[in-house]
C-alpha atoms as a PDB file:
ATOM      1  CA  MET A   1      30.679 -34.849  33.111  1.00  0.00           C
ATOM      2  CA  PRO A   2      28.646 -38.035  32.168  1.00  0.00           C
ATOM      3  CA  ASN A   3      28.126 -39.876  28.924  1.00  0.00           C
ATOM      4  CA  ARG A   4      24.635 -39.423  27.950  1.00  0.00           C
ATOM      5  CA  ARG A   5      22.946 -42.447  25.691  1.00  0.00           C
ATOM      6  CA  GLY A   6      21.656 -41.670  22.437  1.00  0.00           C
ATOM      7  CA  PHE A   7      21.028 -42.802  19.000  1.00  0.00           C
ATOM      8  CA  PHE A   8      23.754 -43.065  16.572  1.00  0.00           C
ATOM      9  CA  GLU A   9      24.933 -43.857  13.425  1.00  0.00           C
ATOM     10  CA  VAL A  10      28.113 -45.352  11.890  1.00  0.00           C
ATOM     11  CA  ASP A  11      28.564 -45.118   7.921  1.00  0.00           C
ATOM     12  CA  VAL A  12      31.597 -47.749   6.566  1.00  0.00           C
ATOM     13  CA  PRO A  13      32.560 -47.413   3.074  1.00  0.00           C
ATOM     14  CA  ILE A  14      32.231 -50.877   1.327  1.00  0.00           C
ATOM     15  CA  HIS A  15      33.438 -51.995  -1.973  1.00  0.00           C
ATOM     16  CA  ASP A  16      33.246 -55.816  -3.757  1.00  0.00           C
ATOM     17  CA  THR A  17      36.366 -57.442  -3.692  1.00  0.00           C
ATOM     18  CA  ALA A  18      35.613 -59.322  -6.718  1.00  0.00           C
ATOM     19  CA  ASN A  19      35.385 -55.691  -8.767  1.00  0.00           C
ATOM     20  CA  PRO A  20      36.932 -52.823  -6.157  1.00  0.00           C
ATOM     21  CA  ALA A  21      35.336 -50.337  -8.310  1.00  0.00           C
ATOM     22  CA  LEU A  22      31.733 -51.124  -6.691  1.00  0.00           C
ATOM     23  CA  LYS A  23      31.612 -49.111  -3.737  1.00  0.00           C
ATOM     24  CA  GLY A  24      28.855 -48.354  -1.285  1.00  0.00           C
ATOM     25  CA  LEU A  25      28.465 -47.370   2.460  1.00  0.00           C
ATOM     26  CA  HIS A  26      26.955 -49.840   5.130  1.00  0.00           C
ATOM     27  CA  VAL A  27      25.100 -47.733   7.337  1.00  0.00           C
ATOM     28  CA  PHE A  28      24.369 -49.048  11.095  1.00  0.00           C
ATOM     29  CA  THR A  29      22.555 -47.278  13.747  1.00  0.00           C
ATOM     30  CA  GLY A  30      21.811 -47.870  17.384  1.00  0.00           C
ATOM     31  CA  VAL A  31      22.034 -46.430  21.125  1.00  0.00           C
ATOM     32  CA  ALA A  32      25.185 -45.933  22.862  1.00  0.00           C
ATOM     33  CA  ASP A  33      26.836 -43.896  25.515  1.00  0.00           C
ATOM     34  CA  SER A  34      29.850 -43.288  23.959  1.00  0.00           C
ATOM     35  CA  PRO A  35      32.042 -42.943  20.640  1.00  0.00           C
ATOM     36  CA  ALA A  36      34.120 -46.210  21.513  1.00  0.00           C
ATOM     37  CA  THR A  37      30.913 -48.164  22.212  1.00  0.00           C
ATOM     38  CA  VAL A  38      29.131 -47.090  18.649  1.00  0.00           C
ATOM     39  CA  LEU A  39      32.154 -48.385  16.715  1.00  0.00           C
ATOM     40  CA  ARG A  40      32.431 -51.667  18.965  1.00  0.00           C
ATOM     41  CA  ARG A  41      28.551 -52.408  18.755  1.00  0.00           C
ATOM     42  CA  ALA A  42      28.500 -51.800  14.744  1.00  0.00           C
ATOM     43  CA  HIS A  43      31.217 -54.199  14.603  1.00  0.00           C
ATOM     44  CA  GLU A  44      29.904 -56.626  16.788  1.00  0.00           C
ATOM     45  CA  VAL A  45      26.548 -57.046  14.959  1.00  0.00           C
ATOM     46  CA  TYR A  46      28.393 -57.430  11.820  1.00  0.00           C
ATOM     47  CA  ASP A  47      30.582 -59.809  13.030  1.00  0.00           C
ATOM     48  CA  ALA A  48      27.415 -62.035  14.355  1.00  0.00           C
ATOM     49  CA  ALA A  49      25.514 -61.153  10.952  1.00  0.00           C
ATOM     50  CA  LEU A  50      28.692 -62.394   9.044  1.00  0.00           C
ATOM     51  CA  ALA A  51      29.272 -65.292  10.786  1.00  0.00           C
ATOM     52  CA  ALA A  52      25.756 -66.583  10.695  1.00  0.00           C
ATOM     53  CA  ARG A  53      25.383 -66.161   7.066  1.00  0.00           C
ATOM     54  CA  THR A  54      28.587 -67.647   6.594  1.00  0.00           C
ATOM     55  CA  ALA A  55      27.114 -70.732   8.450  1.00  0.00           C
ATOM     56  CA  GLY A  56      23.992 -70.623   6.469  1.00  0.00           C
ATOM     57  CA  LEU A  57      21.691 -69.599   9.683  1.00  0.00           C
ATOM     58  CA  GLU A  58      19.452 -66.845   9.148  1.00  0.00           C
ATOM     59  CA  VAL A  59      21.265 -63.439  10.069  1.00  0.00           C
ATOM     60  CA  PRO A  60      20.251 -62.179  13.824  1.00  0.00           C
ATOM     61  CA  SER A  61      17.451 -59.483  14.136  1.00  0.00           C
ATOM     62  CA  ARG A  62      18.020 -56.380  15.699  1.00  0.00           C
ATOM     63  CA  GLN A  63      19.208 -56.075  19.372  1.00  0.00           C
ATOM     64  CA  PRO A  64      17.174 -54.682  22.386  1.00  0.00           C
ATOM     65  CA  ASP A  65      19.659 -51.736  21.713  1.00  0.00           C
ATOM     66  CA  GLY A  66      18.808 -50.865  18.663  1.00  0.00           C
ATOM     67  CA  TRP A  67      21.802 -52.614  16.732  1.00  0.00           C
ATOM     68  CA  GLY A  68      21.848 -55.157  13.698  1.00  0.00           C
ATOM     69  CA  ALA A  69      23.251 -55.508  10.465  1.00  0.00           C
ATOM     70  CA  SER A  70      20.476 -56.935   7.882  1.00  0.00           C
ATOM     71  CA  GLY A  71      22.476 -56.081   4.810  1.00  0.00           C
ATOM     72  CA  VAL A  72      25.693 -58.154   4.505  1.00  0.00           C
ATOM     73  CA  ARG A  73      26.291 -59.182   1.452  1.00  0.00           C
ATOM     74  CA  PRO A  74      28.685 -61.852   0.539  1.00  0.00           C
ATOM     75  CA  GLY A  75      31.731 -60.847  -1.616  1.00  0.00           C
ATOM     76  CA  TRP A  76      31.653 -57.190  -0.135  1.00  0.00           C
ATOM     77  CA  GLU A  77      34.323 -55.912   2.336  1.00  0.00           C
ATOM     78  CA  LEU A  78      33.830 -52.946   5.138  1.00  0.00           C
ATOM     79  CA  GLU A  79      36.398 -50.609   5.494  1.00  0.00           C
ATOM     80  CA  TRP A  80      36.318 -50.203   8.989  1.00  0.00           C
ATOM     81  CA  THR A  81      39.452 -47.894   9.561  1.00  0.00           C
ATOM     82  CA  ALA A  82      37.103 -45.507   7.477  1.00  0.00           C
ATOM     83  CA  ALA A  83      34.506 -45.674   9.378  1.00  0.00           C
ATOM     84  CA  LYS A  84      32.591 -42.933  10.571  1.00  0.00           C
ATOM     85  CA  ALA A  85      30.365 -42.356  13.625  1.00  0.00           C
ATOM     86  CA  GLY A  86      28.139 -39.658  15.231  1.00  0.00           C
ATOM     87  CA  ARG A  87      25.204 -38.875  16.455  1.00  0.00           C
ATOM     88  CA  TRP A  88      22.194 -39.924  13.937  1.00  0.00           C
ATOM     89  CA  HIS A  89      19.964 -37.183  12.321  1.00  0.00           C
ATOM     90  CA  ASN A  90      16.911 -37.818  10.887  1.00  0.00           C
ATOM     91  CA  PRO A  91      17.387 -37.147   7.271  1.00  0.00           C
ATOM     92  CA  LEU A  92      13.398 -36.358   7.027  1.00  0.00           C
ATOM     93  CA  SER A  93      13.382 -34.273  10.014  1.00  0.00           C
ATOM     94  CA  CYS A  94      11.721 -30.626   9.656  1.00  0.00           C
ATOM     95  CA  THR A  95      13.983 -29.448  11.987  1.00  0.00           C
ATOM     96  CA  ARG A  96      16.902 -29.915   9.799  1.00  0.00           C
ATOM     97  CA  SER A  97      18.220 -26.402   8.262  1.00  0.00           C
ATOM     98  CA  ASP A  98      17.827 -27.731   4.353  1.00  0.00           C
ATOM     99  CA  PHE A  99      14.124 -29.068   4.945  1.00  0.00           C
ATOM    100  CA  ALA A 100      12.148 -28.010   2.370  1.00  0.00           C
ATOM    101  CA  LEU A 101       8.005 -29.061   1.919  1.00  0.00           C
END
């Protein structure tokens, strides 16, 4: 069965290293053809953004496949082992079962 390209989301829990009680979620989105590609692309764009920020450079813009990492926060650590990936579902879509006007 061939893989189909689609738009995916990766949700990665984050915490402040100076105050671990402060927690959040970093969300990545982009096009991929497999779950392995989804996590790999999210990690790649994050690593590139962190390296740029650490070097005092501008964070790279969104890639042609939609992946990017614009909200890199110094002092916050991503918990990649707890990352969850899946197809992206538009929270504003009227096709959602819980959509209400």
